[in-house]
Amino acid sequence: MRGAAVLLLAIAAWAADEVVVSDTEVEGDEGLTYRFVREGDFYVRGSVRIPATHVATLRRLALDAAGDPKTLPEELGVTPARLEEMESYILEAAVHGLEDYVPAELPEGLEHLVSFEAVVKAARETFIDPDTDTHDTELLIKLPGDPPITLRTASESPWKQPWHVRAGDAEERTVVSIELSKAAALFVDGRGPSGSCLDGARYWRDDFWRDYAVWGERVGGPLVEHHAKALCSDLAGSEEALRRLRVTGATIGNVNQQPLSLQVDLDCAGGGLVDSLRWWNVFDKLEPGYDWEDLVQALDAAEQAAQRLPFLQAWKAASPGRRVSIDVVGRTGHAETNVRDFVEPAWDHSGLEGKPEFELTLHSGRAEWSSVWFSTTATGALLVKADATFPDAKGVNFHAKTPEYAVVTPDGKVERRKLR
């Protein structure tokens, strides 16, 4: 209904000597729709009086504006000299939140991350924000005259680029023009959702160089990974462990709701049940709290306990596309943060001995997987999630609202059960 009302207002004003502004949220009722009415040489809305000559200027800017520029506008101030002055701020922004764990400096070989070409690319991608389904606001300005002109932007970047311009019945053009944003700003109420974006001067002067949203992934990601891999090499036992394990990725952070950790992705050299693993080496103050010997011991404990369950190796051998992974947190053979609610009720109901110690994820396809829990003492295992490779348990996904699970005997017999 709100959209229909805006459209009716716009149609009514189309032939009138009025400027109609709609500054709204795409979803929701918040936003502003208002008009400036011609009174003599001014367009008036309450106490705001804008010269009619300014409407003529805005029309001219809209009609003359060019498309996507090949070079950055000088107003952004992105120059080699400015980069040299602000490089340290880029590095600080890139590791924001991890400054106690990752040095804000460029290691040898990563200088390209803040080359002038890389910074220009980042600036361009920040300056021009193409329309996407993720945008939350839309600014629409209808200008009187012959032909009537509609200006539209859903951009949320500083200076709100690009604009979409329609003159009369002509096809809509996409243009990039800071001058157009400056001129349009006089008609936009600062209380609306677009007011803060129309003037990008401060952002490009200061905030761009300190914006984690710009530099966190582009620069911070590679910096964190580089430092994380260096930490991996420095941990005790690395030489022996890395004969049987290969690091495929590393980062530092609170990944998957785990404590702050050095999180490492690894492939196993082969020969065992487990093909890959993720290791959360939880920090103790400012250093990783565990070493490679801790991980190897946890992996060996899981492999040895799994030997008591021959169905696991049989499941893996049944198809060449199947693989097995494990998560290890410190020395713990799983990464479930709420075992009490999501695993133990089924385990206790099942009658399996001891407590759940290890979780293996059995991958049968890109999106298909099963979750098997077992221990060093239990005869059998627990399926809390099962895909089609376990026909008698297919669809099991244990949860308080879906309290079904399955017990698997060492030889692979599956019994589906339900908490009562």
Protein backbone atom coordinates (compact mmCIF):
# COMPACT_ATOMS: atom_id res chain seq x y z
CA MET A 1 0.00 0.00 0.00
CA ARG A 2 2.81 2.42 0.84
CA GLY A 3 4.43 1.85 -2.56
CA ALA A 4 1.10 2.48 -4.33
CA ALA A 5 0.61 5.71 -2.39
CA VAL A 6 4.10 6.90 -3.36
CA LEU A 7 3.40 6.11 -7.00
CA LEU A 8 0.11 8.03 -6.97
CA LEU A 9 1.83 11.02 -5.38
CA ALA A 10 4.55 10.91 -8.00
CA ILE A 11 2.04 10.72 -10.85
CA ALA A 12 0.08 13.65 -9.45
CA ALA A 13 3.23 15.74 -9.21
CA TRP A 14 4.53 14.74 -12.64
CA ALA A 15 2.74 17.52 -14.46
CA ALA A 16 2.99 19.97 -11.54
CA ASP A 17 5.86 22.35 -10.88
CA GLU A 18 7.07 20.34 -7.91
CA VAL A 19 10.08 18.31 -6.83
CA VAL A 20 8.97 15.02 -5.25
CA VAL A 21 11.38 13.11 -3.01
CA SER A 22 10.90 9.58 -1.73
CA ASP A 23 13.62 8.38 0.65
CA THR A 24 12.47 5.01 1.94
CA GLU A 25 13.55 1.64 3.22
CA VAL A 26 13.00 -1.20 0.80
CA GLU A 27 11.37 -3.29 3.53
CA GLY A 28 9.60 -1.60 6.39
CA ASP A 29 7.54 1.51 6.94
CA GLU A 30 10.30 3.93 7.86
CA GLY A 31 11.39 6.66 5.50
CA LEU A 32 10.20 9.98 4.16
CA THR A 33 8.16 11.07 1.15
CA TYR A 34 7.69 14.81 0.57
CA ARG A 35 7.54 17.53 -2.07
CA PHE A 36 8.97 20.97 -2.77
CA VAL A 37 6.36 23.28 -4.32
CA ARG A 38 7.28 26.12 -6.70
CA GLU A 39 6.69 29.58 -5.20
CA GLY A 40 8.09 32.26 -7.45
CA ASP A 41 11.81 31.75 -7.87
CA PHE A 42 12.02 29.06 -5.20
CA TYR A 43 10.96 25.52 -4.47
CA VAL A 44 9.63 25.46 -0.92
CA ARG A 45 9.10 22.82 1.73
CA GLY A 46 8.35 24.33 5.11
CA SER A 47 11.25 26.58 6.01
CA VAL A 48 13.50 25.13 3.30
CA ARG A 49 13.71 27.32 0.18
CA ILE A 50 15.79 26.15 -2.79
CA PRO A 51 16.33 28.47 -5.77
CA ALA A 52 14.67 27.38 -9.00
CA THR A 53 18.05 27.77 -10.65
CA HIS A 54 19.27 24.84 -8.57
CA VAL A 55 16.62 22.58 -10.10
CA ALA A 56 17.88 23.64 -13.52
CA THR A 57 21.43 22.79 -12.40
CA LEU A 58 20.35 19.38 -11.12
CA ARG A 59 18.57 18.66 -14.40
CA ARG A 60 21.64 19.61 -16.40
CA LEU A 61 23.93 17.45 -14.22
CA ALA A 62 21.58 14.49 -14.61
CA LEU A 63 21.41 14.83 -18.40
CA ASP A 64 25.14 15.42 -18.82
CA ALA A 65 26.45 12.84 -16.33
CA ALA A 66 28.68 10.17 -17.79
CA GLY A 67 28.62 6.43 -17.18
CA ASP A 68 31.13 4.40 -15.23
CA PRO A 69 34.44 6.35 -15.23
CA LYS A 70 37.67 4.63 -16.23
CA THR A 71 39.60 6.46 -13.51
CA LEU A 72 38.76 7.44 -9.96
CA PRO A 73 37.44 10.97 -9.43
CA GLU A 74 40.03 13.31 -7.99
CA GLU A 75 37.62 14.17 -5.16
CA LEU A 76 38.33 10.77 -3.58
CA GLY A 77 41.91 11.78 -2.93
CA VAL A 78 43.39 8.36 -3.70
CA THR A 79 46.93 9.16 -4.78
CA PRO A 80 50.33 7.50 -4.31
CA ALA A 81 51.32 10.26 -1.88
CA ARG A 82 48.16 9.79 0.18
CA LEU A 83 48.67 6.02 0.22
CA GLU A 84 52.22 6.45 1.54
CA GLU A 85 50.84 8.67 4.28
CA MET A 86 47.97 6.33 5.24
CA GLU A 87 49.41 2.83 4.72
CA SER A 88 49.89 2.23 8.44
CA TYR A 89 46.22 3.02 9.05
CA ILE A 90 45.20 0.48 6.39
CA LEU A 91 47.24 -2.21 8.14
CA GLU A 92 45.82 -1.31 11.54
CA ALA A 93 42.27 -1.45 10.17
CA ALA A 94 42.98 -4.77 8.44
CA VAL A 95 43.81 -6.59 11.70
CA HIS A 96 41.29 -4.72 13.85
CA GLY A 97 40.25 -6.90 16.76
CA LEU A 98 43.35 -9.08 16.40
CA GLU A 99 46.00 -6.41 16.93
CA ASP A 100 47.31 -8.24 20.04
CA TYR A 101 47.81 -11.42 18.01
CA VAL A 102 48.71 -10.33 14.47
CA PRO A 103 51.34 -7.66 13.73
CA ALA A 104 50.01 -4.72 11.70
CA GLU A 105 52.91 -4.87 9.27
CA LEU A 106 53.60 -6.21 5.80
CA PRO A 107 55.72 -9.36 5.70
CA GLU A 108 57.98 -9.90 2.72
CA GLY A 109 56.04 -11.14 -0.26
CA LEU A 110 52.74 -9.47 0.63
CA GLU A 111 53.60 -5.92 -0.40
CA HIS A 112 51.13 -6.23 -3.28
CA LEU A 113 48.22 -6.13 -0.80
CA VAL A 114 48.65 -2.37 -0.41
CA SER A 115 50.14 -1.51 -3.79
CA PHE A 116 48.65 1.58 -5.39
CA GLU A 117 46.88 -0.62 -7.94
CA ALA A 118 45.29 -2.69 -5.15
CA VAL A 119 44.16 0.41 -3.26
CA VAL A 120 42.66 1.94 -6.40
CA LYS A 121 40.74 -1.29 -6.99
CA ALA A 122 39.44 -1.25 -3.40
CA ALA A 123 38.47 2.40 -3.71
CA ARG A 124 36.59 1.79 -6.95
CA GLU A 125 34.68 -1.15 -5.48
CA THR A 126 33.79 0.98 -2.45
CA PHE A 127 32.85 4.07 -4.46
CA ILE A 128 30.49 2.37 -6.92
CA ASP A 129 27.95 0.17 -5.20
CA PRO A 130 25.85 -1.60 -7.86
CA ASP A 131 22.21 -2.37 -7.11
CA THR A 132 21.83 -5.70 -5.35
CA ASP A 133 19.12 -7.46 -3.43
CA THR A 134 20.94 -6.62 -0.20
CA HIS A 135 20.28 -2.89 -0.40
CA ASP A 136 17.95 -1.59 2.26
CA THR A 137 17.08 1.90 0.99
CA GLU A 138 16.02 3.69 -2.17
CA LEU A 139 16.17 7.40 -2.92
CA LEU A 140 13.88 8.69 -5.67
CA ILE A 141 13.80 12.32 -6.86
CA LYS A 142 11.39 13.52 -9.53
CA LEU A 143 12.24 16.82 -11.21
CA PRO A 144 9.75 18.96 -13.14
CA GLY A 145 10.50 20.30 -16.62
CA ASP A 146 10.52 19.15 -20.21
CA PRO A 147 11.19 16.32 -20.17
CA PRO A 148 10.49 15.40 -16.53
CA ILE A 149 13.47 13.62 -14.98
CA THR A 150 13.59 10.83 -12.41
CA LEU A 151 16.74 10.24 -10.37
CA ARG A 152 17.06 6.96 -8.47
CA THR A 153 19.74 5.33 -6.36
CA ALA A 154 19.79 2.37 -4.00
CA SER A 155 23.51 2.72 -3.34
CA GLU A 156 24.74 2.76 0.24
CA SER A 157 28.27 3.88 -0.55
CA PRO A 158 29.61 7.32 0.41
CA TRP A 159 28.37 9.67 -2.35
CA LYS A 160 25.64 7.08 -3.20
CA GLN A 161 26.99 6.02 -6.57
CA PRO A 162 25.75 5.09 -9.11
CA TRP A 163 22.58 7.01 -10.06
CA HIS A 164 19.91 5.85 -12.48
CA VAL A 165 18.52 8.66 -14.62
CA ARG A 166 15.36 8.57 -16.72
CA ALA A 167 14.42 11.56 -18.86
CA GLY A 168 10.79 11.37 -19.99
CA ASP A 169 10.11 8.12 -21.81
CA ALA A 170 13.75 7.49 -22.64
CA GLU A 171 15.57 4.39 -21.43
CA GLU A 172 17.06 4.67 -17.95
CA ARG A 173 20.79 5.46 -17.88
CA THR A 174 23.24 4.50 -15.15
CA VAL A 175 25.65 7.34 -14.36
CA VAL A 176 28.40 8.17 -11.90
CA SER A 177 28.62 11.76 -10.70
CA ILE A 178 29.70 13.20 -7.37
CA GLU A 179 28.40 16.59 -8.49
CA LEU A 180 24.97 15.05 -8.98
CA SER A 181 25.00 13.76 -5.40
CA LYS A 182 26.09 17.15 -4.08
CA ALA A 183 23.29 18.89 -5.94
CA ALA A 184 20.66 16.32 -4.98
CA ALA A 185 21.63 16.59 -1.30
CA LEU A 186 19.91 19.98 -0.99
CA PHE A 187 16.55 18.26 -1.52
CA VAL A 188 17.18 15.32 0.84
CA ASP A 189 16.03 15.53 4.44
CA GLY A 190 18.85 14.50 6.76
CA ARG A 191 16.40 12.52 8.88
CA GLY A 192 15.81 10.06 6.06
CA PRO A 193 17.86 6.88 5.50
CA SER A 194 19.90 8.38 2.63
CA GLY A 195 21.00 11.61 4.27
CA SER A 196 24.25 10.32 5.75
CA CYS A 197 25.54 8.87 2.46
CA LEU A 198 25.07 11.79 0.10
CA ASP A 199 28.09 13.66 1.41
CA GLY A 200 31.10 11.36 1.18
CA ALA A 201 33.81 13.98 1.67
CA ARG A 202 34.73 13.03 5.22
CA TYR A 203 34.65 9.32 4.47
CA TRP A 204 37.04 9.57 1.55
CA ARG A 205 39.30 12.02 3.36
CA ASP A 206 39.69 9.97 6.55
CA ASP A 207 37.47 6.94 7.06
CA PHE A 208 38.23 5.04 3.86
CA TRP A 209 41.79 4.38 5.01
CA ARG A 210 40.58 3.12 8.40
CA ASP A 211 37.56 1.09 7.26
CA TYR A 212 37.68 -2.54 8.37
CA ALA A 213 34.86 -3.33 5.95
CA VAL A 214 37.24 -2.36 3.12
CA TRP A 215 40.52 -3.78 4.39
CA GLY A 216 39.54 -6.68 6.66
CA GLU A 217 39.07 -9.19 3.86
CA ARG A 218 41.32 -7.66 1.19
CA VAL A 219 44.35 -7.15 3.42
CA GLY A 220 43.54 -8.58 6.83
CA GLY A 221 42.65 -12.04 5.57
CA PRO A 222 46.02 -12.69 3.89
CA LEU A 223 47.92 -11.05 6.78
CA VAL A 224 46.16 -13.20 9.37
CA GLU A 225 46.66 -16.35 7.31
CA HIS A 226 50.36 -15.58 6.83
CA HIS A 227 50.87 -15.08 10.56
CA ALA A 228 48.76 -18.14 11.41
CA LYS A 229 50.87 -20.36 9.16
CA ALA A 230 54.03 -18.92 10.72
CA LEU A 231 52.66 -19.85 14.15
CA CYS A 232 51.98 -23.37 12.87
CA SER A 233 55.63 -23.75 11.89
CA ASP A 234 56.80 -22.48 15.26
CA LEU A 235 54.77 -24.92 17.37
CA ALA A 236 56.66 -27.75 19.02
CA GLY A 237 56.51 -31.03 17.12
CA SER A 238 55.82 -29.43 13.74
CA GLU A 239 58.51 -31.30 11.82
CA GLU A 240 57.23 -34.75 12.80
CA ALA A 241 53.52 -33.88 12.63
CA LEU A 242 53.76 -32.30 9.19
CA ARG A 243 55.13 -35.53 7.75
CA ARG A 244 51.65 -37.00 8.15
CA LEU A 245 49.56 -33.82 8.03
CA ARG A 246 49.44 -31.03 5.45
CA VAL A 247 48.26 -27.53 6.32
CA THR A 248 45.67 -26.36 3.76
CA GLY A 249 44.53 -23.21 5.54
CA ALA A 250 44.99 -21.29 8.74
CA THR A 251 43.47 -18.30 10.46
CA ILE A 252 43.08 -16.70 13.88
CA GLY A 253 39.76 -15.76 15.40
CA ASN A 254 36.57 -16.94 17.08
CA VAL A 255 35.61 -19.42 14.37
CA ASN A 256 32.34 -21.38 14.75
CA GLN A 257 31.70 -20.03 18.25
CA GLN A 258 34.95 -21.46 19.57
CA PRO A 259 37.27 -19.48 21.87
CA LEU A 260 39.90 -17.34 20.21
CA SER A 261 42.11 -19.85 18.46
CA LEU A 262 44.71 -20.57 15.86
CA GLN A 263 42.35 -22.51 13.58
CA VAL A 264 44.10 -24.84 11.15
CA ASP A 265 42.70 -26.93 8.27
CA LEU A 266 44.70 -30.07 7.51
CA ASP A 267 44.73 -33.05 5.19
CA CYS A 268 45.98 -36.40 6.42
CA ALA A 269 48.71 -38.11 4.44
CA GLY A 270 46.67 -41.28 4.05
CA GLY A 271 46.48 -44.77 5.42
CA GLY A 272 44.08 -44.01 8.26
CA LEU A 273 40.35 -43.59 8.54
CA VAL A 274 40.43 -39.79 8.85
CA ASP A 275 41.07 -37.83 5.65
CA SER A 276 41.01 -34.27 6.96
CA LEU A 277 40.61 -32.31 10.16
CA ARG A 278 40.13 -28.87 11.62
CA TRP A 279 42.11 -27.95 14.70
CA TRP A 280 41.26 -25.13 17.06
CA ASN A 281 44.47 -24.40 18.97
CA VAL A 282 42.92 -22.26 21.69
CA PHE A 283 45.00 -19.27 22.77
CA ASP A 284 46.41 -19.11 26.27
CA LYS A 285 46.74 -15.36 26.76
CA LEU A 286 48.66 -14.23 23.66
CA GLU A 287 50.03 -17.58 22.46
CA PRO A 288 48.49 -20.84 21.21
CA GLY A 289 47.92 -23.12 24.20
CA TYR A 290 48.73 -26.43 22.47
CA ASP A 291 51.38 -27.92 20.21
CA TRP A 292 51.47 -30.48 17.42
CA GLU A 293 52.04 -33.34 19.84
CA ASP A 294 48.69 -32.55 21.46
CA LEU A 295 46.93 -32.71 18.08
CA VAL A 296 48.65 -35.94 17.03
CA GLN A 297 47.70 -37.58 20.34
CA ALA A 298 44.05 -36.52 19.90
CA LEU A 299 43.99 -37.79 16.31
CA ASP A 300 45.61 -41.09 17.27
CA ALA A 301 43.14 -41.55 20.14
CA ALA A 302 40.22 -41.06 17.75
CA GLU A 303 41.69 -43.43 15.16
CA GLN A 304 42.35 -46.13 17.79
CA ALA A 305 38.84 -45.85 19.21
CA ALA A 306 37.42 -46.01 15.68
CA GLN A 307 39.21 -49.32 15.08
CA ARG A 308 36.64 -50.88 17.41
CA LEU A 309 33.94 -49.89 14.89
CA PRO A 310 34.69 -51.77 11.63
CA PHE A 311 31.57 -50.34 9.98
CA LEU A 312 33.32 -46.98 9.65
CA GLN A 313 36.08 -48.30 7.40
CA ALA A 314 33.52 -50.37 5.48
CA TRP A 315 31.33 -47.28 4.97
CA LYS A 316 34.28 -45.30 3.60
CA ALA A 317 35.43 -48.11 1.29
CA ALA A 318 31.96 -48.53 -0.21
CA SER A 319 32.42 -45.54 -2.54
CA PRO A 320 35.52 -43.68 -3.78
CA GLY A 321 33.86 -40.31 -3.16
CA ARG A 322 33.43 -40.82 0.56
CA ARG A 323 35.67 -39.16 3.11
CA VAL A 324 35.91 -38.75 6.88
CA SER A 325 36.81 -35.65 8.86
CA ILE A 326 37.20 -34.75 12.51
CA ASP A 327 37.28 -31.50 14.48
CA VAL A 328 39.71 -31.14 17.36
CA VAL A 329 39.62 -28.34 19.93
CA GLY A 330 42.85 -28.34 21.88
CA ARG A 331 43.05 -32.07 22.67
CA THR A 332 39.29 -32.70 22.50
CA GLY A 333 38.05 -34.85 19.62
CA HIS A 334 35.02 -32.75 18.69
CA ALA A 335 34.00 -29.10 18.31
CA GLU A 336 30.43 -29.30 19.63
CA THR A 337 29.96 -26.45 22.12
CA ASN A 338 26.76 -27.86 23.65
CA VAL A 339 27.24 -31.59 24.08
CA ARG A 340 24.91 -31.58 27.07
CA ASP A 341 21.86 -30.65 24.99
CA PHE A 342 22.69 -31.90 21.49
CA VAL A 343 24.45 -35.20 22.14
CA GLU A 344 24.25 -36.47 25.74
CA PRO A 345 20.45 -36.95 25.92
CA ALA A 346 20.59 -39.38 22.99
CA TRP A 347 23.78 -41.01 24.25
CA ASP A 348 22.37 -41.61 27.73
CA HIS A 349 19.09 -42.90 26.31
CA SER A 350 20.95 -45.26 23.97
CA GLY A 351 22.64 -47.19 26.77
CA LEU A 352 26.10 -46.76 25.24
CA GLU A 353 28.88 -47.01 27.80
CA GLY A 354 30.88 -44.03 29.05
CA LYS A 355 30.52 -40.55 27.62
CA PRO A 356 30.68 -39.27 24.01
CA GLU A 357 34.32 -38.38 23.27
CA PHE A 358 34.75 -38.18 19.51
CA GLU A 359 32.68 -36.99 16.56
CA LEU A 360 33.45 -38.03 13.00
CA THR A 361 31.75 -36.38 10.04
CA LEU A 362 31.15 -38.80 7.20
CA HIS A 363 30.95 -36.94 3.89
CA SER A 364 29.14 -38.75 1.09
CA GLY A 365 28.66 -35.75 -1.20
CA ARG A 366 29.06 -32.00 -1.42
CA ALA A 367 26.05 -31.35 0.84
CA GLU A 368 25.41 -34.83 2.25
CA TRP A 369 26.96 -35.92 5.52
CA SER A 370 26.40 -37.90 8.69
CA SER A 371 27.58 -37.33 12.27
CA VAL A 372 28.86 -40.29 14.28
CA TRP A 373 29.74 -40.09 17.98
CA PHE A 374 31.72 -42.76 19.82
CA SER A 375 34.07 -43.28 22.76
CA THR A 376 37.01 -45.38 23.88
CA THR A 377 34.74 -47.66 25.93
CA ALA A 378 31.36 -47.87 24.15
CA THR A 379 30.41 -50.91 22.11
CA GLY A 380 28.83 -49.21 19.16
CA ALA A 381 28.29 -45.61 18.10
CA LEU A 382 25.64 -42.91 17.98
CA LEU A 383 24.24 -41.34 14.82
CA VAL A 384 22.83 -37.91 15.57
CA LYS A 385 22.57 -37.01 11.87
CA ALA A 386 22.30 -39.42 9.00
CA ASP A 387 22.13 -39.17 5.21
CA ALA A 388 21.00 -41.73 2.66
CA THR A 389 24.14 -43.86 3.13
CA PHE A 390 22.49 -45.08 6.32
CA PRO A 391 19.08 -46.14 4.91
CA ASP A 392 17.68 -47.30 8.26
CA ALA A 393 18.51 -43.90 9.81
CA LYS A 394 18.03 -41.59 6.82
CA GLY A 395 16.70 -38.20 7.91
CA VAL A 396 17.77 -38.51 11.53
CA ASN A 397 18.82 -35.10 12.84
CA PHE A 398 18.76 -35.18 16.62
CA HIS A 399 17.41 -32.08 18.32
CA ALA A 400 15.06 -31.25 21.18
CA LYS A 401 12.26 -30.79 18.63
CA THR A 402 13.23 -33.85 16.57
CA PRO A 403 14.40 -36.35 19.21
CA GLU A 404 15.27 -39.20 16.83
CA TYR A 405 18.71 -40.76 16.70
CA ALA A 406 20.22 -44.11 15.77
CA VAL A 407 22.60 -46.60 17.34
CA VAL A 408 25.11 -48.41 15.14
CA THR A 409 26.67 -51.70 16.22
CA PRO A 410 30.37 -52.27 15.46
CA ASP A 411 29.45 -54.34 12.39
CA GLY A 412 27.10 -51.66 11.02
CA LYS A 413 23.62 -52.73 12.09
CA VAL A 414 21.50 -49.60 12.53
CA GLU A 415 18.66 -49.24 14.99
CA ARG A 416 16.56 -46.10 14.84
CA ARG A 417 15.32 -44.79 18.19
CA LYS A 418 13.39 -41.90 19.65
CA LEU A 419 13.48 -40.19 23.03
CA ARG A 420 10.22 -40.31 24.90
